[in-house]
Amino acid sequence: MLRPVVVGLDGSPESLAAAEWAAGEALRRGLPLRLLHAWEGGMAPDEPELPELAAPRLRARRILRGALDRLDERRPQVHMSAEQVTRPAVEALVAAGDEAELLVLGSRAFGGIGGFMAGSVALATVARAVPPVVLVRAGQRVEDEHVPDAEGLRSARTPYRDVVVGVDPARPSDELLAFAFESAALRKAPLRVVHAWQLPYVPAALESRARNAVGAAAERALASALGPWREKYPSVEVCEVVREGSPAEQLLHVSRDAGLLAVGRRIRRARLGAHIGPVAHAVLHHVRCPVAVVSHDWAPHG
């Protein structure tokens, strides 16, 4: 049975943008699409309605019905369904994610140079969900994933923008690389793989030599980590970007004109509980394109 693309829908502009993006991704992957609305009214949708609960419940039904009708008109090839569940939003989304190929949520856009204002539900879901979680900003349109046409105008008929992924070759994630390469292959888009390194303290007299050595070692490590993936996806054009600096800053810079950014989230099994990580947290709040956070397990070498 095919695992669906699941999108959380509450009627907000960001959730409607997420639903549009999710429908396109479901089409690219040949998967069904499931629209999910979490109902926290304390009663199951099929129980008798109390007068004070009728209005919000009917509004939720209208939101789902309207989104289904609109998406079905634009993406008739995609099998779609809608569901209203009775539980808190984060719990409902995480549970739905357990049976999903991909989970898609909306994030509020804000002014200035940034692109995301990830809310508490989105951040909590990203920190706990098993499948990749994609956050889509309000205002995102289908043509935003594509390069401008010859006249500089947005068009859904032009090639896709690059997919960007941040990688640490010292502990590469198969889940993250698989998602990034597959996303690039589905879009026939170039894949930019970013690795940022930082120079440890060395005496000033040795700094230049050390910088050259560390940079060269970083390039070799990334090339080695990507070797098997290049062989598995020979059609994907890969550009390796190795730069000195913080991972978050370099990803923000490289992804300015990207169509999709993918970052990893290490699964925490300690008592401190679920977390997102500083790099993922930074890009979720400041990158304008859709951001995929891919969870992965990792244990220290030794």
C-alpha atoms as a PDB file:
ATOM      1  CA  MET A   1       0.000   0.000   0.000  1.00  0.00           C
ATOM      2  CA  LEU A   2       1.341   3.420  -0.946  1.00  0.00           C
ATOM      3  CA  ARG A   3       2.151   5.717   1.947  1.00  0.00           C
ATOM      4  CA  PRO A   4       0.524   9.115   1.386  1.00  0.00           C
ATOM      5  CA  VAL A   5       1.778  12.645   1.461  1.00  0.00           C
ATOM      6  CA  VAL A   6      -0.008  14.162   4.473  1.00  0.00           C
ATOM      7  CA  VAL A   7      -0.635  17.886   4.823  1.00  0.00           C
ATOM      8  CA  GLY A   8      -1.963  19.675   7.881  1.00  0.00           C
ATOM      9  CA  LEU A   9      -4.794  22.034   6.965  1.00  0.00           C
ATOM     10  CA  ASP A  10      -6.440  24.677   9.150  1.00  0.00           C
ATOM     11  CA  GLY A  11      -7.614  27.162   6.528  1.00  0.00           C
ATOM     12  CA  SER A  12      -4.768  29.633   7.058  1.00  0.00           C
ATOM     13  CA  PRO A  13      -2.922  31.027   4.008  1.00  0.00           C
ATOM     14  CA  GLU A  14       0.193  29.067   4.947  1.00  0.00           C
ATOM     15  CA  SER A  15      -1.698  25.782   5.234  1.00  0.00           C
ATOM     16  CA  LEU A  16      -3.364  26.343   1.857  1.00  0.00           C
ATOM     17  CA  ALA A  17       0.057  27.030   0.317  1.00  0.00           C
ATOM     18  CA  ALA A  18       1.324  23.843   1.966  1.00  0.00           C
ATOM     19  CA  ALA A  19      -1.592  21.877   0.514  1.00  0.00           C
ATOM     20  CA  GLU A  20      -0.826  23.185  -2.978  1.00  0.00           C
ATOM     21  CA  TRP A  21       2.842  22.216  -2.624  1.00  0.00           C
ATOM     22  CA  ALA A  22       1.922  18.818  -1.171  1.00  0.00           C
ATOM     23  CA  ALA A  23      -0.371  18.069  -4.111  1.00  0.00           C
ATOM     24  CA  GLY A  24       2.462  18.794  -6.512  1.00  0.00           C
ATOM     25  CA  GLU A  25       4.834  16.587  -4.549  1.00  0.00           C
ATOM     26  CA  ALA A  26       2.289  13.771  -4.437  1.00  0.00           C
ATOM     27  CA  LEU A  27       2.004  13.996  -8.216  1.00  0.00           C
ATOM     28  CA  ARG A  28       5.784  13.931  -8.647  1.00  0.00           C
ATOM     29  CA  ARG A  29       6.109  10.887  -6.399  1.00  0.00           C
ATOM     30  CA  GLY A  30       3.016   9.045  -7.636  1.00  0.00           C
ATOM     31  CA  LEU A  31       1.503   8.989  -4.143  1.00  0.00           C
ATOM     32  CA  PRO A  32      -1.952   9.742  -2.714  1.00  0.00           C
ATOM     33  CA  LEU A  33      -2.567  12.985  -0.843  1.00  0.00           C
ATOM     34  CA  ARG A  34      -4.276  13.143   2.535  1.00  0.00           C
ATOM     35  CA  LEU A  35      -5.583  16.411   3.970  1.00  0.00           C
ATOM     36  CA  LEU A  36      -5.697  16.390   7.759  1.00  0.00           C
ATOM     37  CA  HIS A  37      -7.558  18.728  10.094  1.00  0.00           C
ATOM     38  CA  ALA A  38      -7.160  18.245  13.848  1.00  0.00           C
ATOM     39  CA  TRP A  39     -10.331  18.808  15.839  1.00  0.00           C
ATOM     40  CA  GLU A  40      -9.805  19.691  19.515  1.00  0.00           C
ATOM     41  CA  GLY A  41     -13.451  20.141  20.407  1.00  0.00           C
ATOM     42  CA  GLY A  42     -13.480  17.121  22.681  1.00  0.00           C
ATOM     43  CA  MET A  43     -15.958  15.100  20.603  1.00  0.00           C
ATOM     44  CA  ALA A  44     -15.518  12.761  17.686  1.00  0.00           C
ATOM     45  CA  PRO A  45     -16.718  14.077  14.306  1.00  0.00           C
ATOM     46  CA  ASP A  46     -19.506  11.458  14.118  1.00  0.00           C
ATOM     47  CA  GLU A  47     -20.969  12.199  17.580  1.00  0.00           C
ATOM     48  CA  PRO A  48     -24.063  14.397  18.035  1.00  0.00           C
ATOM     49  CA  GLU A  49     -23.182  18.062  17.753  1.00  0.00           C
ATOM     50  CA  LEU A  50     -23.607  20.496  20.605  1.00  0.00           C
ATOM     51  CA  PRO A  51     -24.715  23.968  19.487  1.00  0.00           C
ATOM     52  CA  GLU A  52     -21.503  25.612  20.729  1.00  0.00           C
ATOM     53  CA  LEU A  53     -19.378  23.140  18.736  1.00  0.00           C
ATOM     54  CA  ALA A  54     -21.361  23.154  15.512  1.00  0.00           C
ATOM     55  CA  ALA A  55     -19.923  26.354  14.014  1.00  0.00           C
ATOM     56  CA  PRO A  56     -16.200  25.509  14.260  1.00  0.00           C
ATOM     57  CA  ARG A  57     -16.839  21.939  13.150  1.00  0.00           C
ATOM     58  CA  LEU A  58     -18.783  23.095  10.093  1.00  0.00           C
ATOM     59  CA  ARG A  59     -16.027  25.585   9.319  1.00  0.00           C
ATOM     60  CA  ALA A  60     -13.473  22.768   9.403  1.00  0.00           C
ATOM     61  CA  ARG A  61     -15.585  20.713   7.031  1.00  0.00           C
ATOM     62  CA  ARG A  62     -15.884  23.652   4.649  1.00  0.00           C
ATOM     63  CA  ILE A  63     -12.115  24.167   4.736  1.00  0.00           C
ATOM     64  CA  LEU A  64     -11.440  20.537   3.860  1.00  0.00           C
ATOM     65  CA  ARG A  65     -14.132  20.411   1.195  1.00  0.00           C
ATOM     66  CA  GLY A  66     -12.989  23.651  -0.401  1.00  0.00           C
ATOM     67  CA  ALA A  67      -9.352  22.566  -0.442  1.00  0.00           C
ATOM     68  CA  LEU A  68     -10.238  19.176  -1.901  1.00  0.00           C
ATOM     69  CA  ASP A  69     -12.307  20.727  -4.674  1.00  0.00           C
ATOM     70  CA  ARG A  70      -9.610  23.254  -5.552  1.00  0.00           C
ATOM     71  CA  LEU A  71      -6.750  20.748  -5.530  1.00  0.00           C
ATOM     72  CA  ASP A  72      -8.740  18.141  -7.430  1.00  0.00           C
ATOM     73  CA  GLU A  73      -9.381  20.683 -10.167  1.00  0.00           C
ATOM     74  CA  ARG A  74      -5.682  21.539 -10.422  1.00  0.00           C
ATOM     75  CA  ARG A  75      -4.248  18.047  -9.839  1.00  0.00           C
ATOM     76  CA  PRO A  76      -6.879  15.573 -11.075  1.00  0.00           C
ATOM     77  CA  GLN A  77      -4.233  12.840 -11.430  1.00  0.00           C
ATOM     78  CA  VAL A  78      -3.697  12.702  -7.652  1.00  0.00           C
ATOM     79  CA  HIS A  79      -5.911  10.516  -5.465  1.00  0.00           C
ATOM     80  CA  MET A  80      -6.989  12.728  -2.552  1.00  0.00           C
ATOM     81  CA  SER A  81      -8.775  12.218   0.727  1.00  0.00           C
ATOM     82  CA  ALA A  82      -9.599  14.364   3.745  1.00  0.00           C
ATOM     83  CA  GLU A  83      -9.904  13.510   7.408  1.00  0.00           C
ATOM     84  CA  GLN A  84     -10.902  15.318  10.560  1.00  0.00           C
ATOM     85  CA  VAL A  85      -9.454  13.879  13.774  1.00  0.00           C
ATOM     86  CA  THR A  86     -10.209  14.550  17.428  1.00  0.00           C
ATOM     87  CA  ARG A  87      -6.909  15.249  19.154  1.00  0.00           C
ATOM     88  CA  PRO A  88      -4.410  18.100  19.579  1.00  0.00           C
ATOM     89  CA  ALA A  89      -2.775  19.228  16.357  1.00  0.00           C
ATOM     90  CA  VAL A  90       0.786  18.104  17.130  1.00  0.00           C
ATOM     91  CA  GLU A  91      -0.337  14.673  18.313  1.00  0.00           C
ATOM     92  CA  ALA A  92      -2.529  14.244  15.238  1.00  0.00           C
ATOM     93  CA  LEU A  93       0.212  15.283  12.824  1.00  0.00           C
ATOM     94  CA  VAL A  94       2.884  13.116  14.438  1.00  0.00           C
ATOM     95  CA  ALA A  95       0.543  10.111  14.451  1.00  0.00           C
ATOM     96  CA  ALA A  96      -0.376  10.690  10.804  1.00  0.00           C
ATOM     97  CA  GLY A  97       3.301  10.977   9.992  1.00  0.00           C
ATOM     98  CA  ASP A  98       3.916   7.461  11.260  1.00  0.00           C
ATOM     99  CA  GLU A  99       2.003   6.178   8.229  1.00  0.00           C
ATOM    100  CA  ALA A 100       3.116   8.850   5.746  1.00  0.00           C
ATOM    101  CA  GLU A 101       5.878   9.140   3.195  1.00  0.00           C
ATOM    102  CA  LEU A 102       6.050  12.869   3.758  1.00  0.00           C
ATOM    103  CA  LEU A 103       4.453  15.398   6.103  1.00  0.00           C
ATOM    104  CA  VAL A 104       3.810  18.955   4.882  1.00  0.00           C
ATOM    105  CA  LEU A 105       2.986  21.984   7.045  1.00  0.00           C
ATOM    106  CA  GLY A 106       2.629  25.707   6.523  1.00  0.00           C
ATOM    107  CA  SER A 107       4.738  28.465   8.052  1.00  0.00           C
ATOM    108  CA  ARG A 108       3.802  32.101   8.317  1.00  0.00           C
ATOM    109  CA  ALA A 109       5.775  34.481   6.111  1.00  0.00           C
ATOM    110  CA  PHE A 110       7.066  37.703   7.583  1.00  0.00           C
ATOM    111  CA  GLY A 111       8.600  40.868   6.242  1.00  0.00           C
ATOM    112  CA  GLY A 112      12.243  41.795   5.891  1.00  0.00           C
ATOM    113  CA  ILE A 113      14.966  39.505   4.602  1.00  0.00           C
ATOM    114  CA  GLY A 114      13.599  36.366   6.231  1.00  0.00           C
ATOM    115  CA  GLY A 115      11.050  33.952   4.894  1.00  0.00           C
ATOM    116  CA  PHE A 116       9.605  31.855   7.732  1.00  0.00           C
ATOM    117  CA  MET A 117       7.938  32.364  11.074  1.00  0.00           C
ATOM    118  CA  ALA A 118       7.610  28.751  12.157  1.00  0.00           C
ATOM    119  CA  GLY A 119       4.875  28.441  14.770  1.00  0.00           C
ATOM    120  CA  SER A 120       4.809  26.246  17.854  1.00  0.00           C
ATOM    121  CA  VAL A 121       2.757  23.492  16.191  1.00  0.00           C
ATOM    122  CA  ALA A 122       5.121  23.310  13.220  1.00  0.00           C
ATOM    123  CA  LEU A 123       8.264  23.287  15.365  1.00  0.00           C
ATOM    124  CA  ALA A 124       6.884  20.684  17.772  1.00  0.00           C
ATOM    125  CA  THR A 125       5.837  18.476  14.868  1.00  0.00           C
ATOM    126  CA  VAL A 126       9.232  18.779  13.175  1.00  0.00           C
ATOM    127  CA  ALA A 127      10.925  17.790  16.430  1.00  0.00           C
ATOM    128  CA  ARG A 128       8.848  14.627  16.870  1.00  0.00           C
ATOM    129  CA  ALA A 129       7.796  13.379  13.441  1.00  0.00           C
ATOM    130  CA  VAL A 130       9.380  10.300  11.876  1.00  0.00           C
ATOM    131  CA  PRO A 131       9.086  11.051   8.126  1.00  0.00           C
ATOM    132  CA  PRO A 132      10.571  14.095   6.412  1.00  0.00           C
ATOM    133  CA  VAL A 133       8.625  17.243   7.299  1.00  0.00           C
ATOM    134  CA  VAL A 134       8.416  20.036   4.729  1.00  0.00           C
ATOM    135  CA  LEU A 135       7.532  23.553   5.849  1.00  0.00           C
ATOM    136  CA  VAL A 136       6.030  25.801   3.177  1.00  0.00           C
ATOM    137  CA  ARG A 137       5.696  29.535   3.696  1.00  0.00           C
ATOM    138  CA  ALA A 138       2.521  31.501   3.118  1.00  0.00           C
ATOM    139  CA  GLY A 139       2.444  32.915  -0.390  1.00  0.00           C
ATOM    140  CA  GLN A 140       4.408  30.047  -1.935  1.00  0.00           C
ATOM    141  CA  ARG A 141       3.159  29.376  -5.471  1.00  0.00           C
ATOM    142  CA  VAL A 142       3.727  26.521  -7.901  1.00  0.00           C
ATOM    143  CA  GLU A 143       5.847  28.678 -10.192  1.00  0.00           C
ATOM    144  CA  ASP A 144       8.128  29.726  -7.317  1.00  0.00           C
ATOM    145  CA  GLU A 145       9.904  26.366  -7.598  1.00  0.00           C
ATOM    146  CA  HIS A 146      10.835  27.123 -11.203  1.00  0.00           C
ATOM    147  CA  VAL A 147      13.469  29.390 -12.714  1.00  0.00           C
ATOM    148  CA  PRO A 148      12.157  32.550 -14.418  1.00  0.00           C
ATOM    149  CA  ASP A 149      11.410  32.407 -18.129  1.00  0.00           C
ATOM    150  CA  ALA A 150      13.339  34.281 -20.822  1.00  0.00           C
ATOM    151  CA  GLU A 151      11.526  37.500 -19.913  1.00  0.00           C
ATOM    152  CA  GLY A 152      12.258  37.106 -16.216  1.00  0.00           C
ATOM    153  CA  LEU A 153       8.688  36.124 -15.370  1.00  0.00           C
ATOM    154  CA  ARG A 154       7.635  33.270 -13.097  1.00  0.00           C
ATOM    155  CA  SER A 155       6.374  30.229 -14.948  1.00  0.00           C
ATOM    156  CA  ALA A 156       5.534  26.640 -14.049  1.00  0.00           C
ATOM    157  CA  ARG A 157       6.724  25.580 -17.517  1.00  0.00           C
ATOM    158  CA  THR A 158      10.414  26.342 -16.957  1.00  0.00           C
ATOM    159  CA  PRO A 159      12.943  23.968 -15.288  1.00  0.00           C
ATOM    160  CA  TYR A 160      12.932  23.559 -11.536  1.00  0.00           C
ATOM    161  CA  ARG A 161      15.236  25.567  -9.313  1.00  0.00           C
ATOM    162  CA  ASP A 162      18.107  23.757  -7.595  1.00  0.00           C
ATOM    163  CA  VAL A 163      17.621  21.462  -4.631  1.00  0.00           C
ATOM    164  CA  VAL A 164      20.070  22.269  -1.810  1.00  0.00           C
ATOM    165  CA  VAL A 165      21.106  19.945   1.010  1.00  0.00           C
ATOM    166  CA  GLY A 166      23.390  20.513   3.981  1.00  0.00           C
ATOM    167  CA  VAL A 167      25.711  17.595   4.753  1.00  0.00           C
ATOM    168  CA  ASP A 168      28.314  16.763   7.373  1.00  0.00           C
ATOM    169  CA  PRO A 169      30.568  14.176   5.666  1.00  0.00           C
ATOM    170  CA  ALA A 170      31.968  13.093   9.034  1.00  0.00           C
ATOM    171  CA  ARG A 171      28.568  11.603   9.854  1.00  0.00           C
ATOM    172  CA  PRO A 172      26.525  11.506   6.646  1.00  0.00           C
ATOM    173  CA  SER A 173      22.864  10.552   6.836  1.00  0.00           C
ATOM    174  CA  ASP A 174      21.582   8.038   4.306  1.00  0.00           C
ATOM    175  CA  GLU A 175      18.023   9.242   4.946  1.00  0.00           C
ATOM    176  CA  LEU A 176      18.928  12.864   4.223  1.00  0.00           C
ATOM    177  CA  LEU A 177      20.989  12.111   1.116  1.00  0.00           C
ATOM    178  CA  ALA A 178      18.336   9.739  -0.231  1.00  0.00           C
ATOM    179  CA  PHE A 179      15.675  12.421   0.173  1.00  0.00           C
ATOM    180  CA  ALA A 180      17.829  15.097  -1.467  1.00  0.00           C
ATOM    181  CA  PHE A 181      18.909  12.988  -4.442  1.00  0.00           C
ATOM    182  CA  GLU A 182      15.392  11.643  -4.990  1.00  0.00           C
ATOM    183  CA  SER A 183      13.907  15.149  -4.820  1.00  0.00           C
ATOM    184  CA  ALA A 184      16.427  16.412  -7.374  1.00  0.00           C
ATOM    185  CA  ALA A 185      15.850  13.401  -9.642  1.00  0.00           C
ATOM    186  CA  LEU A 186      12.063  13.831  -9.563  1.00  0.00           C
ATOM    187  CA  ARG A 187      12.434  17.474 -10.556  1.00  0.00           C
ATOM    188  CA  LYS A 188      15.289  16.911 -13.025  1.00  0.00           C
ATOM    189  CA  ALA A 189      16.958  19.686 -11.046  1.00  0.00           C
ATOM    190  CA  PRO A 190      20.604  20.232 -10.082  1.00  0.00           C
ATOM    191  CA  LEU A 191      21.552  19.274  -6.534  1.00  0.00           C
ATOM    192  CA  ARG A 192      23.853  21.536  -4.543  1.00  0.00           C
ATOM    193  CA  VAL A 193      25.455  19.747  -1.597  1.00  0.00           C
ATOM    194  CA  VAL A 194      26.770  22.156   1.019  1.00  0.00           C
ATOM    195  CA  HIS A 195      29.404  21.383   3.629  1.00  0.00           C
ATOM    196  CA  ALA A 196      30.619  24.157   5.914  1.00  0.00           C
ATOM    197  CA  TRP A 197      33.785  23.765   7.939  1.00  0.00           C
ATOM    198  CA  GLN A 198      35.412  25.893  10.608  1.00  0.00           C
ATOM    199  CA  LEU A 199      39.101  26.285  11.342  1.00  0.00           C
ATOM    200  CA  PRO A 200      40.152  25.225  14.833  1.00  0.00           C
ATOM    201  CA  TYR A 201      42.516  27.424  16.774  1.00  0.00           C
ATOM    202  CA  VAL A 202      46.074  27.386  15.458  1.00  0.00           C
ATOM    203  CA  PRO A 203      48.960  29.817  15.962  1.00  0.00           C
ATOM    204  CA  ALA A 204      48.764  32.786  13.612  1.00  0.00           C
ATOM    205  CA  ALA A 205      51.931  31.738  11.803  1.00  0.00           C
ATOM    206  CA  LEU A 206      50.301  28.427  10.810  1.00  0.00           C
ATOM    207  CA  GLU A 207      46.822  29.717  10.048  1.00  0.00           C
ATOM    208  CA  SER A 208      47.151  29.957   6.261  1.00  0.00           C
ATOM    209  CA  ARG A 209      48.652  26.491   5.917  1.00  0.00           C
ATOM    210  CA  ALA A 210      46.094  25.013   8.296  1.00  0.00           C
ATOM    211  CA  ARG A 211      43.206  26.647   6.434  1.00  0.00           C
ATOM    212  CA  ASN A 212      44.353  25.164   3.123  1.00  0.00           C
ATOM    213  CA  ALA A 213      44.795  21.728   4.682  1.00  0.00           C
ATOM    214  CA  VAL A 214      41.437  21.701   6.453  1.00  0.00           C
ATOM    215  CA  GLY A 215      39.627  22.967   3.362  1.00  0.00           C
ATOM    216  CA  ALA A 216      41.213  20.328   1.136  1.00  0.00           C
ATOM    217  CA  ALA A 217      40.369  17.589   3.636  1.00  0.00           C
ATOM    218  CA  ALA A 218      36.758  18.790   3.750  1.00  0.00           C
ATOM    219  CA  GLU A 219      36.509  18.609  -0.043  1.00  0.00           C
ATOM    220  CA  ARG A 220      37.892  15.060  -0.078  1.00  0.00           C
ATOM    221  CA  ALA A 221      35.543  13.956   2.690  1.00  0.00           C
ATOM    222  CA  LEU A 222      32.473  15.315   0.922  1.00  0.00           C
ATOM    223  CA  ALA A 223      33.471  13.778  -2.409  1.00  0.00           C
ATOM    224  CA  SER A 224      33.932  10.413  -0.702  1.00  0.00           C
ATOM    225  CA  ALA A 225      30.549  10.614   1.062  1.00  0.00           C
ATOM    226  CA  LEU A 226      28.762  11.449  -2.188  1.00  0.00           C
ATOM    227  CA  GLY A 227      30.450   8.811  -4.339  1.00  0.00           C
ATOM    228  CA  PRO A 228      27.862   6.033  -3.828  1.00  0.00           C
ATOM    229  CA  TRP A 229      24.988   8.478  -4.339  1.00  0.00           C
ATOM    230  CA  ARG A 230      26.405   9.785  -7.590  1.00  0.00           C
ATOM    231  CA  GLU A 231      26.508   6.188  -8.818  1.00  0.00           C
ATOM    232  CA  LYS A 232      22.939   5.518  -7.679  1.00  0.00           C
ATOM    233  CA  TYR A 233      21.605   8.715  -9.294  1.00  0.00           C
ATOM    234  CA  PRO A 234      23.757   9.219 -12.398  1.00  0.00           C
ATOM    235  CA  SER A 235      21.210  11.571 -13.978  1.00  0.00           C
ATOM    236  CA  VAL A 236      21.423  14.096 -11.125  1.00  0.00           C
ATOM    237  CA  GLU A 237      23.781  16.999 -11.721  1.00  0.00           C
ATOM    238  CA  VAL A 238      25.668  17.457  -8.444  1.00  0.00           C
ATOM    239  CA  CYS A 239      27.522  20.589  -7.388  1.00  0.00           C
ATOM    240  CA  GLU A 240      29.662  20.260  -4.258  1.00  0.00           C
ATOM    241  CA  VAL A 241      29.902  23.471  -2.249  1.00  0.00           C
ATOM    242  CA  VAL A 242      32.594  23.412   0.454  1.00  0.00           C
ATOM    243  CA  ARG A 243      33.040  26.664   2.344  1.00  0.00           C
ATOM    244  CA  GLU A 244      34.507  27.950   5.555  1.00  0.00           C
ATOM    245  CA  GLY A 245      31.906  29.268   7.963  1.00  0.00           C
ATOM    246  CA  SER A 246      28.947  28.205  10.053  1.00  0.00           C
ATOM    247  CA  PRO A 247      26.603  25.626   8.492  1.00  0.00           C
ATOM    248  CA  ALA A 248      23.519  27.778   9.032  1.00  0.00           C
ATOM    249  CA  GLU A 249      25.043  30.879   7.439  1.00  0.00           C
ATOM    250  CA  GLN A 250      26.320  28.974   4.418  1.00  0.00           C
ATOM    251  CA  LEU A 251      22.980  27.238   3.872  1.00  0.00           C
ATOM    252  CA  LEU A 252      21.158  30.553   4.104  1.00  0.00           C
ATOM    253  CA  HIS A 253      23.472  31.985   1.464  1.00  0.00           C
ATOM    254  CA  VAL A 254      23.461  29.046  -0.964  1.00  0.00           C
ATOM    255  CA  SER A 255      19.694  28.482  -0.775  1.00  0.00           C
ATOM    256  CA  ARG A 256      18.686  32.057  -1.623  1.00  0.00           C
ATOM    257  CA  ASP A 257      17.611  31.004  -5.122  1.00  0.00           C
ATOM    258  CA  ALA A 258      16.792  27.345  -4.367  1.00  0.00           C
ATOM    259  CA  GLY A 259      13.501  25.593  -4.958  1.00  0.00           C
ATOM    260  CA  LEU A 260      13.877  23.255  -1.976  1.00  0.00           C
ATOM    261  CA  LEU A 261      16.300  23.001   0.950  1.00  0.00           C
ATOM    262  CA  ALA A 262      16.845  19.774   2.899  1.00  0.00           C
ATOM    263  CA  VAL A 263      18.522  19.543   6.302  1.00  0.00           C
ATOM    264  CA  GLY A 264      18.892  16.741   8.801  1.00  0.00           C
ATOM    265  CA  ARG A 265      17.596  16.310  12.318  1.00  0.00           C
ATOM    266  CA  ARG A 266      19.307  13.797  14.533  1.00  0.00           C
ATOM    267  CA  ILE A 267      16.883  11.639  16.516  1.00  0.00           C
ATOM    268  CA  ARG A 268      17.541  12.192  20.210  1.00  0.00           C
ATOM    269  CA  ARG A 269      17.084   9.210  22.490  1.00  0.00           C
ATOM    270  CA  ALA A 270      18.104  10.928  25.708  1.00  0.00           C
ATOM    271  CA  ARG A 271      15.863  12.127  28.511  1.00  0.00           C
ATOM    272  CA  LEU A 272      16.079  15.672  27.173  1.00  0.00           C
ATOM    273  CA  GLY A 273      13.514  14.617  24.597  1.00  0.00           C
ATOM    274  CA  ALA A 274      12.911  15.645  21.005  1.00  0.00           C
ATOM    275  CA  HIS A 275      14.781  18.547  19.481  1.00  0.00           C
ATOM    276  CA  ILE A 276      15.350  20.189  16.129  1.00  0.00           C
ATOM    277  CA  GLY A 277      18.984  21.279  16.229  1.00  0.00           C
ATOM    278  CA  PRO A 278      20.507  24.729  15.685  1.00  0.00           C
ATOM    279  CA  VAL A 279      21.050  24.464  11.919  1.00  0.00           C
ATOM    280  CA  ALA A 280      17.524  23.251  11.169  1.00  0.00           C
ATOM    281  CA  HIS A 281      16.094  25.825  13.566  1.00  0.00           C
ATOM    282  CA  ALA A 282      17.962  28.661  11.837  1.00  0.00           C
ATOM    283  CA  VAL A 283      16.950  27.743   8.301  1.00  0.00           C
ATOM    284  CA  LEU A 284      13.322  27.132   9.277  1.00  0.00           C
ATOM    285  CA  HIS A 285      13.090  30.746  10.389  1.00  0.00           C
ATOM    286  CA  HIS A 286      15.073  32.439   7.646  1.00  0.00           C
ATOM    287  CA  VAL A 287      15.012  30.494   4.356  1.00  0.00           C
ATOM    288  CA  ARG A 288      12.332  31.576   1.917  1.00  0.00           C
ATOM    289  CA  CYS A 289      11.951  28.357  -0.094  1.00  0.00           C
ATOM    290  CA  PRO A 290      10.265  25.204   1.272  1.00  0.00           C
ATOM    291  CA  VAL A 291      12.460  23.464   3.847  1.00  0.00           C
ATOM    292  CA  ALA A 292      12.506  19.700   4.392  1.00  0.00           C
ATOM    293  CA  VAL A 293      13.720  18.443   7.768  1.00  0.00           C
ATOM    294  CA  VAL A 294      14.735  14.792   7.529  1.00  0.00           C
ATOM    295  CA  SER A 295      15.084  12.843  10.764  1.00  0.00           C
ATOM    296  CA  HIS A 296      17.836  10.272  11.020  1.00  0.00           C
ATOM    297  CA  ASP A 297      19.431   8.068  13.627  1.00  0.00           C
ATOM    298  CA  TRP A 298      23.104   8.404  14.411  1.00  0.00           C
ATOM    299  CA  ALA A 299      25.529   6.904  16.874  1.00  0.00           C
ATOM    300  CA  PRO A 300      29.132   8.054  17.414  1.00  0.00           C
ATOM    301  CA  HIS A 301      31.804   6.054  15.655  1.00  0.00           C
ATOM    302  CA  GLY A 302      34.058   3.987  17.819  1.00  0.00           C
END
